[in-house]
């Protein structure tokens, strides 16, 4: 996939960090990444 980026997120929750409301910092990170993607 050309121009793809891997943006790891360190969390004690592992893959469960994506559970809505579990980690506010992750949700902010995810929103920031999605916004950047949609602006491209």
C-alpha atoms as a PDB file:
ATOM      1  CA  UNK A   1       0.000   0.000   0.000  1.00  0.00           C
ATOM      2  CA  UNK A   2       1.815   3.109  -1.208  1.00  0.00           C
ATOM      3  CA  UNK A   3       2.235   5.930   1.329  1.00  0.00           C
ATOM      4  CA  UNK A   4       0.760   3.855   4.167  1.00  0.00           C
ATOM      5  CA  UNK A   5       1.692   4.757   7.735  1.00  0.00           C
ATOM      6  CA  UNK A   6       1.785   2.552  10.816  1.00  0.00           C
ATOM      7  CA  UNK A   7       0.941   4.534  13.936  1.00  0.00           C
ATOM      8  CA  UNK A   8       1.254   2.295  16.976  1.00  0.00           C
ATOM      9  CA  UNK A   9      -0.380   3.357  20.230  1.00  0.00           C
ATOM     10  CA  UNK A  10       1.133   2.115  23.479  1.00  0.00           C
ATOM     11  CA  UNK A  11      -1.467   1.061  26.023  1.00  0.00           C
ATOM     12  CA  UNK A  12      -1.760  -1.211  29.025  1.00  0.00           C
ATOM     13  CA  UNK A  13      -5.133  -2.262  27.587  1.00  0.00           C
ATOM     14  CA  UNK A  14      -3.638  -3.913  24.493  1.00  0.00           C
ATOM     15  CA  UNK A  15      -6.123  -4.313  21.634  1.00  0.00           C
ATOM     16  CA  UNK A  16      -8.983  -3.580  24.050  1.00  0.00           C
ATOM     17  CA  UNK A  17      -7.931   0.087  24.124  1.00  0.00           C
ATOM     18  CA  UNK A  18     -10.290   0.613  21.189  1.00  0.00           C
ATOM     19  CA  UNK A  19     -13.320  -0.059  23.404  1.00  0.00           C
ATOM     20  CA  UNK A  20     -15.256   3.234  23.311  1.00  0.00           C
ATOM     21  CA  UNK A  21     -14.690   5.307  26.430  1.00  0.00           C
ATOM     22  CA  UNK A  22     -11.884   3.177  27.821  1.00  0.00           C
ATOM     23  CA  UNK A  23      -8.985   5.532  27.055  1.00  0.00           C
ATOM     24  CA  UNK A  24      -9.727   9.177  26.212  1.00  0.00           C
ATOM     25  CA  UNK A  25      -6.178   9.748  24.980  1.00  0.00           C
ATOM     26  CA  UNK A  26      -6.571   6.896  22.484  1.00  0.00           C
ATOM     27  CA  UNK A  27      -9.855   8.298  21.219  1.00  0.00           C
ATOM     28  CA  UNK A  28      -8.180  11.682  20.676  1.00  0.00           C
ATOM     29  CA  UNK A  29      -5.287   9.944  18.873  1.00  0.00           C
ATOM     30  CA  UNK A  30      -7.699   7.987  16.684  1.00  0.00           C
ATOM     31  CA  UNK A  31      -9.738  11.092  15.849  1.00  0.00           C
ATOM     32  CA  UNK A  32      -6.567  12.983  14.948  1.00  0.00           C
ATOM     33  CA  UNK A  33      -5.420  10.181  12.633  1.00  0.00           C
ATOM     34  CA  UNK A  34      -8.834   9.876  10.974  1.00  0.00           C
ATOM     35  CA  UNK A  35      -9.037  13.639  10.455  1.00  0.00           C
ATOM     36  CA  UNK A  36      -5.612  13.672   8.836  1.00  0.00           C
ATOM     37  CA  UNK A  37      -6.566  10.761   6.578  1.00  0.00           C
ATOM     38  CA  UNK A  38      -9.791  12.421   5.440  1.00  0.00           C
ATOM     39  CA  UNK A  39      -8.016  15.698   4.690  1.00  0.00           C
ATOM     40  CA  UNK A  40      -5.495  13.978   2.401  1.00  0.00           C
END
